[in-house]
């Protein structure tokens, strides 16, 4: 009984700050500005398919790069001594203490045509390389800002992998590739699932990075939603419809990935 009473504040918090906002999004998505029911807003979302596809592609690319960089780094960190681990965690979290906008502005200074990188290239005899206002700059901004969200979950899981398990596999004649595929990778699947989720979700819905590093020619879903609520083409009903479609898409992707994650875990237990 005490547990039930203790959970009441959390239920109220969830209802006020989760269920009510989601309900308002649904109401706006299926109504006109006069309040009448309509599905036209949902139907109009299909006209922005290129923006959706671009957002999904760049988010997948950024997530894959974060995984390729974060996985080996997290493993190396997990095998370090205690002091080295704490130092590395601090270095990874240090950029997160700086404002998100300031970090993105810093990349603008580095990547623009008269920025630091191009100035160095010209001094070395190379020409100016167009880096700002490109999809590559957007992906770079995503990777830089969201990489810690990939490393930290992987690191927290890999620190729980006992060295004796790896040594036992090696003593049984397993080569490094077999140790990775049959021991390390199956045990690290929960960290991969969490890291992919924490990177993919903000990457597909970002708008600050694409606006500042991608320019107007690289509009993503977040920019489109922001334009409907705060831009000249003010249409909160359409913005809510786009937000709802994006939310459903993310839930579907995450459910499919979790099914794959569960199958990997079961295979790892059988192995």
Protein backbone atom coordinates (compact mmCIF):
# COMPACT_ATOMS: atom_id res chain seq x y z
CA UNK A 1 0.00 0.00 0.00
CA UNK A 2 2.85 2.39 0.81
CA UNK A 3 4.36 1.65 -2.60
CA UNK A 4 1.10 2.59 -4.30
CA UNK A 5 0.91 5.90 -2.47
CA UNK A 6 4.57 6.62 -3.21
CA UNK A 7 3.99 6.16 -6.94
CA UNK A 8 1.15 8.70 -7.10
CA UNK A 9 3.44 11.78 -7.56
CA UNK A 10 5.22 10.05 -10.43
CA UNK A 11 1.91 9.14 -12.07
CA UNK A 12 0.73 12.74 -11.75
CA UNK A 13 4.04 13.98 -13.19
CA UNK A 14 3.76 11.59 -16.14
CA UNK A 15 0.15 12.57 -16.80
CA UNK A 16 0.85 16.31 -16.71
CA UNK A 17 4.13 16.41 -18.60
CA UNK A 18 3.81 13.38 -20.92
CA UNK A 19 0.22 12.33 -21.55
CA UNK A 20 -1.29 15.81 -21.69
CA UNK A 21 1.26 17.19 -24.22
CA UNK A 22 0.88 14.07 -26.39
CA UNK A 23 -2.87 14.47 -26.25
CA UNK A 24 -2.61 18.11 -27.32
CA UNK A 25 -0.39 17.11 -30.26
CA UNK A 26 -3.01 14.57 -31.33
CA UNK A 27 -5.82 17.11 -31.01
CA UNK A 28 -3.99 19.71 -33.10
CA UNK A 29 -2.98 17.11 -35.68
CA UNK A 30 -6.58 16.08 -36.37
CA UNK A 31 -8.23 19.50 -36.25
CA UNK A 32 -8.21 22.68 -38.29
CA UNK A 33 -7.43 26.13 -36.93
CA UNK A 34 -11.15 26.56 -36.34
CA UNK A 35 -11.31 23.38 -34.27
CA UNK A 36 -13.14 21.08 -36.70
CA UNK A 37 -12.02 17.48 -37.22
CA UNK A 38 -9.93 16.74 -40.32
CA UNK A 39 -7.32 14.31 -41.63
CA UNK A 40 -5.98 16.77 -44.19
CA UNK A 41 -3.03 17.63 -41.95
CA UNK A 42 -1.91 13.99 -41.87
CA UNK A 43 -2.45 13.69 -45.63
CA UNK A 44 -0.32 16.78 -46.30
CA UNK A 45 2.65 15.22 -44.49
CA UNK A 46 3.26 12.98 -47.53
CA UNK A 47 4.23 16.06 -49.55
CA UNK A 48 7.31 16.39 -47.33
CA UNK A 49 8.60 12.88 -48.04
CA UNK A 50 11.99 14.15 -49.38
CA UNK A 51 12.58 15.99 -46.10
CA UNK A 52 11.71 12.84 -44.13
CA UNK A 53 14.01 10.70 -46.25
CA UNK A 54 16.88 13.17 -45.89
CA UNK A 55 16.39 13.32 -42.13
CA UNK A 56 16.29 9.53 -41.79
CA UNK A 57 19.37 9.04 -43.96
CA UNK A 58 21.48 11.64 -42.15
CA UNK A 59 20.35 10.33 -38.74
CA UNK A 60 21.25 6.74 -39.70
CA UNK A 61 24.62 7.89 -41.05
CA UNK A 62 25.42 9.90 -37.91
CA UNK A 63 24.34 7.01 -35.68
CA UNK A 64 26.48 4.52 -37.61
CA UNK A 65 29.53 6.80 -37.39
CA UNK A 66 28.97 7.31 -33.65
CA UNK A 67 28.76 3.53 -33.20
CA UNK A 68 31.94 2.91 -35.21
CA UNK A 69 33.84 5.51 -33.17
CA UNK A 70 32.20 4.91 -29.82
CA UNK A 71 32.33 1.11 -29.66
CA UNK A 72 36.12 0.60 -29.76
CA UNK A 73 36.68 3.69 -27.61
CA UNK A 74 34.22 2.45 -24.97
CA UNK A 75 35.88 -0.97 -24.96
CA UNK A 76 39.36 0.52 -24.53
CA UNK A 77 38.06 2.70 -21.70
CA UNK A 78 36.49 -0.28 -19.96
CA UNK A 79 39.84 -2.11 -19.94
CA UNK A 80 41.77 0.84 -18.45
CA UNK A 81 42.64 1.35 -14.81
CA UNK A 82 40.22 3.12 -12.51
CA UNK A 83 41.96 6.50 -12.64
CA UNK A 84 42.30 6.37 -16.43
CA UNK A 85 38.63 5.45 -16.79
CA UNK A 86 37.49 8.39 -14.70
CA UNK A 87 39.78 10.73 -16.63
CA UNK A 88 38.43 9.53 -19.98
CA UNK A 89 34.82 9.83 -18.82
CA UNK A 90 35.50 13.40 -17.69
CA UNK A 91 37.11 14.27 -21.04
CA UNK A 92 34.13 12.84 -22.93
CA UNK A 93 31.61 14.68 -20.78
CA UNK A 94 33.57 17.95 -20.72
CA UNK A 95 32.15 19.31 -24.03
CA UNK A 96 28.64 18.61 -22.73
CA UNK A 97 29.19 21.21 -20.02
CA UNK A 98 29.36 23.86 -22.73
CA UNK A 99 26.14 25.23 -24.20
CA UNK A 100 24.88 23.30 -27.23
CA UNK A 101 24.59 26.46 -29.35
CA UNK A 102 28.13 27.57 -28.49
CA UNK A 103 29.53 24.21 -29.55
CA UNK A 104 27.70 24.45 -32.86
CA UNK A 105 28.84 28.04 -33.37
CA UNK A 106 32.40 26.85 -32.83
CA UNK A 107 32.03 24.39 -35.71
CA UNK A 108 30.67 27.20 -37.90
CA UNK A 109 33.86 29.14 -37.19
CA UNK A 110 35.96 26.13 -38.14
CA UNK A 111 34.07 25.11 -41.28
CA UNK A 112 33.10 28.36 -42.98
CA UNK A 113 34.90 29.45 -46.16
CA UNK A 114 37.04 31.96 -44.27
CA UNK A 115 37.23 29.79 -41.18
CA UNK A 116 40.15 28.24 -39.37
CA UNK A 117 40.39 25.06 -41.45
CA UNK A 118 40.25 26.80 -44.82
CA UNK A 119 42.73 29.42 -43.64
CA UNK A 120 45.20 26.66 -42.77
CA UNK A 121 44.55 24.91 -46.10
CA UNK A 122 45.21 28.09 -48.05
CA UNK A 123 48.38 28.69 -46.07
CA UNK A 124 49.55 25.21 -47.08
CA UNK A 125 48.87 25.93 -50.74
CA UNK A 126 45.52 24.20 -51.07
CA UNK A 127 42.35 25.86 -52.32
CA UNK A 128 39.24 26.67 -50.35
CA UNK A 129 37.12 23.61 -49.58
CA UNK A 130 33.39 24.15 -49.23
CA UNK A 131 32.46 22.53 -45.93
CA UNK A 132 29.78 24.72 -44.40
CA UNK A 133 26.15 24.45 -45.57
CA UNK A 134 26.60 20.84 -46.67
CA UNK A 135 25.13 17.54 -45.53
CA UNK A 136 28.60 16.51 -44.42
CA UNK A 137 28.72 19.45 -42.03
CA UNK A 138 25.32 18.45 -40.62
CA UNK A 139 26.48 14.88 -40.03
CA UNK A 140 29.70 16.16 -38.46
CA UNK A 141 27.70 18.35 -36.08
CA UNK A 142 25.47 15.42 -35.13
CA UNK A 143 28.42 13.12 -34.50
CA UNK A 144 30.26 15.70 -32.42
CA UNK A 145 27.25 16.60 -30.27
CA UNK A 146 25.76 13.12 -29.82
CA UNK A 147 28.88 10.91 -29.65
CA UNK A 148 28.96 10.98 -25.80
CA UNK A 149 25.43 9.53 -25.79
CA UNK A 150 26.82 6.52 -27.66
CA UNK A 151 30.03 6.09 -25.68
CA UNK A 152 28.66 6.31 -22.14
CA UNK A 153 25.99 3.53 -22.41
CA UNK A 154 28.50 1.25 -24.15
CA UNK A 155 31.12 2.01 -21.52
CA UNK A 156 28.73 1.33 -18.63
CA UNK A 157 27.87 -2.09 -20.10
CA UNK A 158 31.42 -3.06 -21.07
CA UNK A 159 32.81 -2.31 -17.61
CA UNK A 160 30.60 -5.17 -16.38
CA UNK A 161 32.29 -7.68 -18.73
CA UNK A 162 34.60 -9.67 -16.49
CA UNK A 163 38.17 -10.00 -17.77
CA UNK A 164 38.13 -13.61 -16.59
CA UNK A 165 35.39 -14.41 -19.14
CA UNK A 166 37.61 -13.13 -21.96
CA UNK A 167 40.62 -14.96 -20.55
CA UNK A 168 38.61 -18.19 -20.32
CA UNK A 169 37.61 -17.90 -23.98
CA UNK A 170 41.25 -17.33 -24.93
CA UNK A 171 42.37 -20.31 -22.83
CA UNK A 172 39.85 -22.47 -24.71
CA UNK A 173 41.57 -21.56 -27.98
CA UNK A 174 39.38 -18.72 -29.22
CA UNK A 175 41.15 -16.23 -31.47
CA UNK A 176 40.51 -12.46 -31.06
CA UNK A 177 37.75 -12.47 -33.70
CA UNK A 178 35.96 -15.36 -32.00
CA UNK A 179 36.29 -13.72 -28.60
CA UNK A 180 34.71 -10.56 -29.97
CA UNK A 181 31.88 -12.28 -31.88
CA UNK A 182 31.02 -14.90 -29.25
CA UNK A 183 31.74 -13.07 -25.98
CA UNK A 184 32.22 -9.30 -26.14
CA UNK A 185 29.62 -8.39 -28.76
CA UNK A 186 26.70 -10.43 -27.32
CA UNK A 187 27.35 -9.02 -23.85
CA UNK A 188 27.50 -5.46 -25.19
CA UNK A 189 24.23 -5.60 -27.15
CA UNK A 190 22.21 -3.76 -24.43
CA UNK A 191 24.69 -0.89 -24.58
CA UNK A 192 24.47 -0.79 -28.38
CA UNK A 193 20.67 -0.66 -28.21
CA UNK A 194 20.69 2.18 -25.68
CA UNK A 195 23.38 4.13 -27.51
CA UNK A 196 21.68 3.83 -30.89
CA UNK A 197 18.40 5.00 -29.39
CA UNK A 198 19.99 7.97 -27.61
CA UNK A 199 21.75 9.10 -30.79
CA UNK A 200 19.17 8.32 -33.47
CA UNK A 201 16.19 9.99 -31.77
CA UNK A 202 17.76 13.47 -31.29
CA UNK A 203 19.59 13.22 -34.62
CA UNK A 204 16.44 12.65 -36.66
CA UNK A 205 14.59 15.49 -34.93
CA UNK A 206 17.36 18.08 -34.68
CA UNK A 207 16.94 21.52 -36.20
CA UNK A 208 19.67 23.71 -34.68
CA UNK A 209 22.51 21.70 -36.24
CA UNK A 210 20.92 21.56 -39.68
CA UNK A 211 20.05 25.26 -39.58
CA UNK A 212 23.48 26.45 -38.49
CA UNK A 213 25.74 23.99 -40.31
CA UNK A 214 23.54 22.90 -43.20
CA UNK A 215 22.01 26.16 -44.35
CA UNK A 216 18.59 26.46 -45.93
CA UNK A 217 19.31 23.80 -48.56
CA UNK A 218 19.51 20.98 -45.99
CA UNK A 219 16.15 21.23 -44.24
CA UNK A 220 15.35 18.37 -41.88
CA UNK A 221 12.16 17.34 -40.10
CA UNK A 222 13.03 19.45 -37.07
CA UNK A 223 13.41 22.55 -39.25
CA UNK A 224 10.08 21.80 -40.90
CA UNK A 225 8.28 21.48 -37.57
CA UNK A 226 9.96 24.61 -36.23
CA UNK A 227 8.85 26.55 -39.33
CA UNK A 228 5.22 25.56 -38.76
CA UNK A 229 5.21 26.81 -35.17
CA UNK A 230 7.60 29.78 -35.27
CA UNK A 231 8.12 30.63 -38.93
CA UNK A 232 6.22 32.88 -41.30
CA UNK A 233 4.13 29.92 -42.50
CA UNK A 234 2.47 29.61 -39.11
CA UNK A 235 0.42 26.40 -39.06
CA UNK A 236 0.56 24.60 -35.69
CA UNK A 237 -1.95 21.99 -36.84
CA UNK A 238 0.32 20.85 -39.68
CA UNK A 239 3.33 21.05 -37.35
CA UNK A 240 1.53 18.79 -34.86
CA UNK A 241 0.68 16.34 -37.65
CA UNK A 242 4.32 16.18 -38.77
CA UNK A 243 5.39 15.71 -35.14
CA UNK A 244 2.91 12.86 -34.70
CA UNK A 245 4.07 11.08 -37.86
CA UNK A 246 7.68 11.48 -36.74
CA UNK A 247 6.87 10.10 -33.30
CA UNK A 248 5.09 7.06 -34.76
CA UNK A 249 8.00 6.43 -37.12
CA UNK A 250 10.53 6.58 -34.28
CA UNK A 251 8.44 4.20 -32.18
CA UNK A 252 8.22 1.73 -35.07
CA UNK A 253 11.96 1.87 -35.72
CA UNK A 254 12.76 1.41 -32.04
CA UNK A 255 10.33 -1.51 -31.68
CA UNK A 256 11.89 -3.26 -34.68
CA UNK A 257 15.37 -2.64 -33.31
CA UNK A 258 14.36 -3.92 -29.87
CA UNK A 259 13.08 -7.14 -31.45
CA UNK A 260 16.46 -7.58 -33.10
CA UNK A 261 18.12 -6.72 -29.80
CA UNK A 262 16.11 -9.37 -27.94
CA UNK A 263 17.00 -12.03 -30.51
CA UNK A 264 20.69 -11.15 -30.20
CA UNK A 265 20.49 -11.45 -26.42
CA UNK A 266 18.81 -14.85 -26.65
CA UNK A 267 21.46 -16.07 -29.07
CA UNK A 268 24.16 -14.79 -26.74
CA UNK A 269 22.63 -16.69 -23.80
CA UNK A 270 22.47 -19.87 -25.85
CA UNK A 271 26.09 -19.45 -26.91
